[in-house]
Protein backbone atom coordinates (compact mmCIF):
# COMPACT_ATOMS: atom_id res chain seq x y z
CA MET A 1 49.54 42.89 -6.41
CA GLY A 2 49.58 42.61 -2.42
CA GLY A 3 46.84 42.01 -0.60
CA ALA A 4 42.93 44.04 -0.72
CA GLY A 5 44.05 47.28 0.06
CA ALA A 6 47.75 47.33 -0.77
CA SER A 7 48.84 50.09 -2.83
CA SER A 8 51.66 49.47 -5.35
CA VAL A 9 54.07 51.23 -7.29
CA ASN A 10 54.10 51.77 -10.71
CA PRO A 11 57.20 51.83 -12.25
CA ALA A 12 56.09 54.01 -15.22
CA ALA A 13 54.22 56.59 -13.00
CA ALA A 14 57.39 56.57 -10.78
CA ALA A 15 59.43 57.39 -13.63
CA ARG A 16 56.86 60.45 -14.95
CA ARG A 17 57.43 62.07 -11.39
CA LEU A 18 61.11 61.57 -11.33
CA GLN A 19 61.78 63.36 -14.57
CA ASP A 20 62.45 66.58 -12.80
CA ARG A 21 63.01 65.71 -9.39
CA PRO A 22 66.80 64.74 -8.27
CA ARG A 23 67.61 60.84 -8.74
CA ARG A 24 69.37 60.41 -5.52
CA PRO A 25 68.44 57.43 -3.28
CA ALA A 26 67.01 58.08 -0.11
CA ARG A 27 69.63 58.37 2.54
CA SER A 28 66.96 57.95 5.54
CA GLN A 29 63.51 55.98 5.89
CA SER A 30 61.94 59.13 5.93
CA ASP A 31 63.42 60.59 3.06
CA ILE A 32 61.57 57.59 1.06
CA SER A 33 58.51 58.17 -0.74
CA SER A 34 56.66 57.77 -4.34
CA THR A 35 58.99 59.98 -5.93
CA ARG A 36 62.10 59.31 -4.34
CA PRO A 37 61.71 55.52 -3.65
CA PHE A 38 64.99 54.03 -4.09
CA TYR A 39 66.93 53.40 -0.77
CA PRO A 40 69.32 53.13 0.72
CA ALA A 41 71.80 55.56 -0.28
CA GLY A 42 75.26 55.28 0.88
CA ASP A 43 76.40 53.14 3.90
CA PRO A 44 73.60 50.01 3.82
CA THR A 45 74.32 49.61 7.91
CA GLY A 46 70.64 49.13 9.84
CA THR A 47 68.70 49.69 6.78
CA LYS A 48 66.19 47.58 5.99
CA ARG A 49 63.43 46.35 3.86
CA LYS A 50 60.57 46.73 6.21
CA HIS A 51 62.09 50.60 5.88
CA LEU A 52 61.03 50.67 2.25
CA VAL A 53 57.75 48.67 2.22
CA ASP A 54 56.64 50.47 4.92
CA ALA A 55 57.67 54.15 3.61
CA LEU A 56 56.01 52.84 0.65
CA GLY A 57 52.85 52.16 2.09
CA LEU A 58 52.84 48.26 0.75
CA THR A 59 52.08 44.81 3.08
CA GLY A 60 55.31 43.53 2.14
CA ASN A 61 58.62 42.54 0.38
CA ARG A 62 56.72 40.84 -2.36
CA ASP A 63 54.71 43.75 -2.89
CA LEU A 64 57.80 45.82 -4.13
CA LYS A 65 58.55 43.62 -6.98
CA ARG A 66 55.67 42.64 -10.24
CA ARG A 67 54.35 40.00 -11.13
CA CYS A 68 57.46 39.86 -13.74
CA GLU A 69 59.96 40.27 -11.52
CA ARG A 70 59.08 38.00 -8.53
CA SER A 71 62.34 35.72 -8.98
CA ALA A 72 64.73 38.83 -9.35
CA GLU A 73 65.82 41.61 -6.89
CA ALA A 74 63.34 44.19 -6.09
CA LEU A 75 63.39 47.29 -8.33
CA PHE A 76 63.97 49.91 -5.52
CA TRP A 77 66.18 48.05 -3.35
CA LEU A 78 70.24 49.06 -3.59
CA VAL A 79 71.98 46.66 -1.43
CA GLY A 80 73.60 43.47 -2.45
CA PRO A 81 75.18 42.19 -5.32
CA THR A 82 71.81 41.16 -7.13
CA GLN A 83 70.66 44.89 -6.59
CA VAL A 84 69.43 46.73 -9.86
CA GLY A 85 68.26 49.84 -8.80
CA LYS A 86 70.99 51.62 -9.84
CA ALA A 87 70.79 50.75 -13.02
CA ALA A 88 67.41 51.86 -12.97
CA ILE A 89 68.02 55.12 -11.94
CA SER A 90 70.23 55.46 -14.75
CA GLY A 91 67.76 54.15 -17.12
CA TRP A 92 65.21 56.32 -16.23
CA ARG A 93 67.46 59.58 -15.75
CA ASP A 94 69.57 59.05 -19.31
CA LEU A 95 66.73 57.17 -21.39
CA LEU A 96 63.02 57.87 -20.26
CA ALA A 97 63.25 61.51 -18.69
CA PRO A 98 64.44 62.84 -21.94
CA ALA A 99 62.19 61.05 -24.20
CA TRP A 100 59.16 62.30 -21.86
CA ARG A 101 60.05 65.70 -22.01
CA CYS A 102 61.03 65.53 -25.67
CA ARG A 103 57.76 64.11 -26.01
CA LEU A 104 56.05 67.02 -24.08
CA ARG A 105 57.70 69.71 -26.25
CA TRP A 106 56.25 68.26 -29.28
CA ARG A 107 52.42 67.78 -27.96
């Protein structure tokens, strides 16, 4: 994904980092990080995908998606009728984080 030297967001790794953190979307560009990648929260006026791309250290919008998601909406973008990020937050919060915590207890 991306050009040479481009970093990428690994959704599974992001889910692990989010397990014990608030699952609140970032309200501003300065709030975006690999542990808080969902953006924007609230009123989308003035928000741009470029904020998300820049804050995550990516080279472009294409890097927001895995190869299998190229025709879908970017996972972390929360604006528009095709956004999927709110469902992803719910899935991580309600399914993945509890399963991860359970797995850690059995080690």
